[in-house]
Amino acid sequence: MQGRNALIITTVILLGCILMAGCTSTQTTESAGSSPDQTTGDTLFVYSGAGLKAPMQEISAQFGEQHHVTVDNTYAGSGALITQMEISQKGDIFIPGGTPDYAIAVDKGLVSDAPEYVAYHVPVIAVQKGNPLNITSVEDLTRPGVKIALGGINETAIGKAGDKLFTAHGIKSAVEENVVIRAPTINELVVAMNMGTVDATLITIDKMNRDTMEAIQLPLEDNMALIIPIGMTTFTEDPDLAREYIDFVSSEEGKAIFAKHGFPTYPDEVYEL
């Protein structure tokens, strides 16, 4: 019965994504940059975590205009991006939602082992507006009847972070009993909360919709902040241009765009426990 309910809820979420702009798929590719009559013919291909779409769209547009190049961005869960890189052996830049996914790409020989650090993904427990179930801590996610949406452990940085958190608190199995959705990107978790399909989720502070959700902060001692790295692929055909892009994203100008979209920027002693 639980499996059937999960299937029904997941179907509802997928339908909701179709109806909501920007959620029609778990992976999208977009171009940003100069107009055709300005371009030098150079193109950069960027693999970006789905949760970074807002700042990366703006950054890629600015970089493209300044350098008269085309920047193609593909957005998906980090696991899907790593698989795509591994199969295609094409592209220039990788920027996932956290260092654990970047480390996987390094181990596979897909990216440089010397990334730059840009900002933080700071996980919070998101609950429905008004907090009707009075959820105040991670332990409350184990209460019977609480419907939870979580990111896929193998697909998303937030899913890996949640797995680490629940394991550290010794409640992984109890939380899993309440999980009705495992989503391939963080954006589906936001949709589930906006639709009122679930009671709580683990997302990052930059994804909070204050009209429909409230945030329950996690204790700093849980050390849940994910550092967002950016690095060059090992098969880029234009390392000089790729380096310029990385330098721009990790510059004060690039970090300011991340801050504009709600991300704490690196370094920040608050998150360096």
Protein backbone atom coordinates (compact mmCIF):
# COMPACT_ATOMS: atom_id res chain seq x y z
CA MET A 1 0.00 0.00 0.00
CA GLN A 2 2.82 2.39 0.86
CA GLY A 3 4.45 1.73 -2.51
CA ARG A 4 1.16 2.42 -4.29
CA ASN A 5 0.70 5.69 -2.39
CA ALA A 6 4.24 6.75 -3.23
CA LEU A 7 3.57 6.03 -6.91
CA ILE A 8 0.37 8.09 -6.84
CA ILE A 9 2.09 11.01 -5.13
CA THR A 10 5.02 10.89 -7.51
CA THR A 11 2.62 10.95 -10.45
CA VAL A 12 0.92 14.02 -9.01
CA ILE A 13 4.28 15.75 -8.67
CA LEU A 14 5.21 14.97 -12.25
CA LEU A 15 1.91 16.37 -13.46
CA GLY A 16 2.50 19.45 -11.35
CA CYS A 17 5.92 19.89 -12.94
CA ILE A 18 4.37 19.80 -16.39
CA LEU A 19 1.98 22.55 -15.41
CA MET A 20 4.63 24.75 -13.81
CA ALA A 21 7.11 26.68 -15.96
CA GLY A 22 10.66 25.47 -15.74
CA CYS A 23 9.80 22.04 -14.36
CA THR A 24 8.97 20.11 -17.48
CA SER A 25 12.01 17.88 -17.18
CA THR A 26 14.75 16.93 -14.79
CA GLN A 27 17.40 18.08 -17.26
CA THR A 28 17.40 21.19 -19.40
CA THR A 29 19.96 22.79 -21.67
CA GLU A 30 20.02 26.50 -22.35
CA SER A 31 22.31 28.88 -24.21
CA ALA A 32 23.41 32.30 -23.06
CA GLY A 33 25.83 34.81 -24.47
CA SER A 34 26.41 37.08 -27.41
CA SER A 35 24.18 37.51 -30.41
CA PRO A 36 25.09 35.56 -33.57
CA ASP A 37 26.62 38.59 -35.27
CA GLN A 38 28.94 39.18 -32.27
CA THR A 39 30.11 35.66 -31.50
CA THR A 40 33.67 34.54 -32.17
CA GLY A 41 32.51 30.99 -32.75
CA ASP A 42 33.71 29.87 -29.33
CA THR A 43 31.31 27.85 -27.18
CA LEU A 44 31.53 26.65 -23.61
CA PHE A 45 29.45 23.76 -22.34
CA VAL A 46 28.68 23.88 -18.60
CA TYR A 47 27.30 21.02 -16.52
CA SER A 48 25.41 22.68 -13.66
CA GLY A 49 23.47 21.28 -10.72
CA ALA A 50 19.74 21.92 -11.09
CA GLY A 51 19.62 23.87 -7.83
CA LEU A 52 22.11 26.42 -9.21
CA LYS A 53 20.07 27.38 -12.26
CA ALA A 54 19.11 30.92 -11.23
CA PRO A 55 22.61 32.28 -10.58
CA MET A 56 24.24 30.24 -13.34
CA GLN A 57 21.82 31.55 -15.97
CA GLU A 58 22.71 35.12 -15.03
CA ILE A 59 26.43 34.44 -14.80
CA SER A 60 26.55 32.67 -18.16
CA ALA A 61 24.65 35.51 -19.83
CA GLN A 62 27.07 38.12 -18.45
CA PHE A 63 30.17 36.10 -19.32
CA GLY A 64 28.88 35.43 -22.83
CA GLU A 65 28.20 39.11 -23.47
CA GLN A 66 31.56 40.23 -22.07
CA HIS A 67 33.59 37.65 -24.01
CA HIS A 68 31.40 37.37 -27.13
CA VAL A 69 31.02 33.61 -26.76
CA THR A 70 28.12 31.19 -26.44
CA VAL A 71 27.66 29.43 -23.10
CA ASP A 72 25.51 26.28 -23.17
CA ASN A 73 24.27 25.23 -19.73
CA THR A 74 22.75 21.87 -18.95
CA TYR A 75 20.94 21.55 -15.61
CA ALA A 76 20.24 18.28 -13.82
CA GLY A 77 20.93 16.35 -10.67
CA SER A 78 24.66 15.91 -10.17
CA GLY A 79 24.45 12.14 -10.61
CA ALA A 80 22.85 12.54 -14.02
CA LEU A 81 25.46 15.12 -15.04
CA ILE A 82 28.33 12.83 -14.05
CA THR A 83 26.81 10.01 -16.11
CA GLN A 84 26.42 12.35 -19.09
CA MET A 85 30.04 13.48 -18.82
CA GLU A 86 31.25 9.91 -18.51
CA ILE A 87 29.38 8.80 -21.63
CA SER A 88 29.93 11.82 -23.85
CA GLN A 89 33.47 12.83 -22.84
CA LYS A 90 32.51 16.31 -23.98
CA GLY A 91 32.04 19.64 -22.24
CA ASP A 92 34.15 22.14 -20.36
CA ILE A 93 32.90 22.97 -16.85
CA PHE A 94 31.33 21.10 -13.93
CA ILE A 95 29.61 22.88 -11.04
CA PRO A 96 27.59 20.54 -8.79
CA GLY A 97 25.66 21.30 -5.62
CA GLY A 98 28.42 20.14 -3.29
CA THR A 99 31.94 18.77 -2.97
CA PRO A 100 30.90 15.10 -2.53
CA ASP A 101 29.61 14.96 -6.11
CA TYR A 102 32.67 16.80 -7.39
CA ALA A 103 34.86 14.21 -5.65
CA ILE A 104 33.02 11.42 -7.49
CA ALA A 105 33.77 13.14 -10.80
CA VAL A 106 37.44 13.48 -9.79
CA ASP A 107 37.63 9.78 -8.94
CA LYS A 108 36.22 8.96 -12.38
CA GLY A 109 38.86 11.12 -14.06
CA LEU A 110 36.27 13.54 -15.45
CA VAL A 111 37.37 16.82 -13.85
CA SER A 112 40.40 18.58 -12.45
CA ASP A 113 41.20 17.83 -8.82
CA ALA A 114 41.77 21.53 -8.09
CA PRO A 115 38.36 23.26 -8.10
CA GLU A 116 37.54 26.79 -7.05
CA TYR A 117 34.92 27.35 -4.34
CA VAL A 118 32.03 29.73 -4.91
CA ALA A 119 29.23 29.60 -2.36
CA TYR A 120 27.31 27.37 0.04
CA HIS A 121 24.22 25.27 -0.21
CA VAL A 122 22.81 25.46 3.34
CA PRO A 123 20.25 22.71 4.07
CA VAL A 124 17.16 23.44 6.17
CA ILE A 125 14.04 21.51 7.02
CA ALA A 126 11.19 23.07 5.05
CA VAL A 127 7.69 22.68 6.51
CA GLN A 128 4.31 23.90 5.36
CA LYS A 129 3.42 27.52 6.14
CA GLY A 130 2.33 27.86 9.74
CA ASN A 131 4.11 24.61 10.64
CA PRO A 132 0.83 22.76 11.31
CA LEU A 133 2.61 19.61 12.55
CA ASN A 134 4.88 21.60 14.88
CA ILE A 135 8.07 20.14 13.45
CA THR A 136 11.02 21.68 15.27
CA SER A 137 13.92 19.26 14.77
CA VAL A 138 15.21 16.51 12.53
CA GLU A 139 13.95 13.94 15.04
CA ASP A 140 10.38 15.09 14.40
CA LEU A 141 10.67 13.70 10.86
CA THR A 142 10.39 10.22 12.38
CA ARG A 143 6.91 10.80 13.82
CA PRO A 144 4.24 8.45 12.41
CA GLY A 145 2.19 9.97 9.61
CA VAL A 146 4.62 12.74 8.60
CA LYS A 147 4.89 12.73 4.80
CA ILE A 148 8.42 13.56 3.65
CA ALA A 149 10.05 14.28 0.29
CA LEU A 150 13.81 13.83 -0.05
CA GLY A 151 16.34 14.11 -2.85
CA GLY A 152 17.71 10.96 -4.40
CA ILE A 153 20.85 9.84 -2.59
CA ASN A 154 22.67 8.92 -5.79
CA GLU A 155 21.26 11.80 -7.86
CA THR A 156 21.44 14.91 -5.69
CA ALA A 157 23.78 16.70 -3.31
CA ILE A 158 20.86 17.39 -0.96
CA GLY A 159 19.98 13.70 -0.95
CA LYS A 160 23.51 12.76 0.08
CA ALA A 161 23.49 15.48 2.75
CA GLY A 162 20.22 14.17 4.19
CA ASP A 163 21.52 10.61 4.26
CA LYS A 164 24.57 11.81 6.19
CA LEU A 165 22.42 13.83 8.60
CA PHE A 166 19.94 11.07 9.40
CA THR A 167 22.73 8.52 9.81
CA ALA A 168 24.57 10.80 12.24
CA HIS A 169 21.40 11.16 14.32
CA GLY A 170 20.72 7.42 14.21
CA ILE A 171 17.29 7.89 12.63
CA LYS A 172 17.88 6.92 9.00
CA SER A 173 15.52 3.92 9.00
CA ALA A 174 12.79 5.74 10.91
CA VAL A 175 12.88 8.71 8.53
CA GLU A 176 12.83 6.42 5.49
CA GLU A 177 9.51 4.95 6.66
CA ASN A 178 7.95 8.39 6.17
CA VAL A 179 9.49 9.13 2.75
CA VAL A 180 6.84 9.22 0.03
CA ILE A 181 8.96 10.90 -2.68
CA ARG A 182 12.57 10.48 -3.74
CA ALA A 183 13.21 13.19 -6.31
CA PRO A 184 15.97 13.35 -8.96
CA THR A 185 16.54 17.10 -8.41
CA ILE A 186 15.98 19.58 -5.62
CA ASN A 187 13.45 21.44 -7.76
CA GLU A 188 10.93 18.58 -7.49
CA LEU A 189 11.14 18.84 -3.71
CA VAL A 190 10.15 22.50 -3.95
CA VAL A 191 7.21 21.58 -6.19
CA ALA A 192 6.04 18.95 -3.69
CA MET A 193 6.03 21.53 -0.91
CA ASN A 194 4.36 24.21 -3.02
CA MET A 195 1.58 21.78 -3.95
CA GLY A 196 1.08 20.72 -0.33
CA THR A 197 1.73 17.09 -1.28
CA VAL A 198 4.15 16.53 1.62
CA ASP A 199 4.54 17.90 5.13
CA ALA A 200 8.28 18.44 5.13
CA THR A 201 11.43 18.16 3.06
CA LEU A 202 15.13 18.87 3.24
CA ILE A 203 16.12 21.62 0.79
CA THR A 204 18.57 24.50 0.78
CA ILE A 205 17.82 27.96 2.12
CA ASP A 206 18.03 29.55 -1.34
CA LYS A 207 15.12 27.35 -2.50
CA MET A 208 12.68 28.42 0.23
CA ASN A 209 9.34 29.78 -0.98
CA ARG A 210 8.31 32.04 1.90
CA ASP A 211 4.72 32.13 0.65
CA THR A 212 4.20 28.40 1.14
CA MET A 213 6.96 27.25 3.51
CA GLU A 214 8.74 27.91 6.77
CA ALA A 215 12.35 26.98 7.47
CA ILE A 216 13.54 25.01 10.48
CA GLN A 217 17.23 25.75 10.85
CA LEU A 218 19.57 22.85 11.53
CA PRO A 219 22.09 23.23 14.37
CA LEU A 220 25.45 24.51 13.13
CA GLU A 221 27.15 21.60 14.87
CA ASP A 222 25.52 19.31 12.30
CA ASN A 223 27.90 20.98 9.81
CA MET A 224 25.47 20.52 6.93
CA ALA A 225 26.59 23.38 4.68
CA LEU A 226 27.66 22.13 1.25
CA ILE A 227 30.46 24.02 -0.47
CA ILE A 228 29.74 24.62 -4.17
CA PRO A 229 32.85 23.84 -6.27
CA ILE A 230 33.54 24.59 -9.90
CA GLY A 231 36.20 23.00 -12.05
CA MET A 232 37.33 22.16 -15.55
CA THR A 233 36.71 18.85 -17.27
CA THR A 234 39.68 16.74 -18.26
CA PHE A 235 38.49 16.67 -21.87
CA THR A 236 37.78 20.35 -22.52
CA GLU A 237 38.96 21.50 -25.93
CA ASP A 238 39.44 25.10 -24.80
CA PRO A 239 41.12 25.12 -21.37
CA ASP A 240 42.02 28.81 -21.57
CA LEU A 241 38.40 29.90 -22.10
CA ALA A 242 37.21 27.40 -19.50
CA ARG A 243 39.67 28.88 -16.99
CA GLU A 244 38.39 32.38 -17.73
CA TYR A 245 34.83 31.21 -17.04
CA ILE A 246 35.82 29.52 -13.78
CA ASP A 247 37.69 32.64 -12.68
CA PHE A 248 34.63 34.75 -13.43
CA VAL A 249 32.24 32.50 -11.50
CA SER A 250 34.57 32.42 -8.49
CA SER A 251 35.34 36.15 -8.62
CA GLU A 252 33.69 38.72 -6.37
CA GLU A 253 31.43 39.64 -9.29
CA GLY A 254 30.32 36.04 -9.76
CA LYS A 255 29.85 35.47 -6.05
CA ALA A 256 27.72 38.62 -5.85
CA ILE A 257 25.29 37.01 -8.31
CA PHE A 258 25.08 33.94 -6.09
CA ALA A 259 24.44 36.19 -3.08
CA LYS A 260 21.69 37.97 -5.02
CA HIS A 261 19.93 34.62 -5.39
CA GLY A 262 20.14 33.76 -1.69
CA PHE A 263 23.40 31.80 -1.45
CA PRO A 264 25.94 32.55 1.28
CA THR A 265 29.26 33.04 -0.50
CA TYR A 266 32.58 31.31 0.12
CA PRO A 267 34.43 31.70 2.43
CA ASP A 268 32.19 32.27 5.46
CA GLU A 269 33.45 31.38 8.93
CA VAL A 270 29.90 30.59 10.05
CA TYR A 271 29.94 27.44 7.90
CA GLU A 272 33.59 26.52 8.38
CA LEU A 273 33.16 24.42 11.53
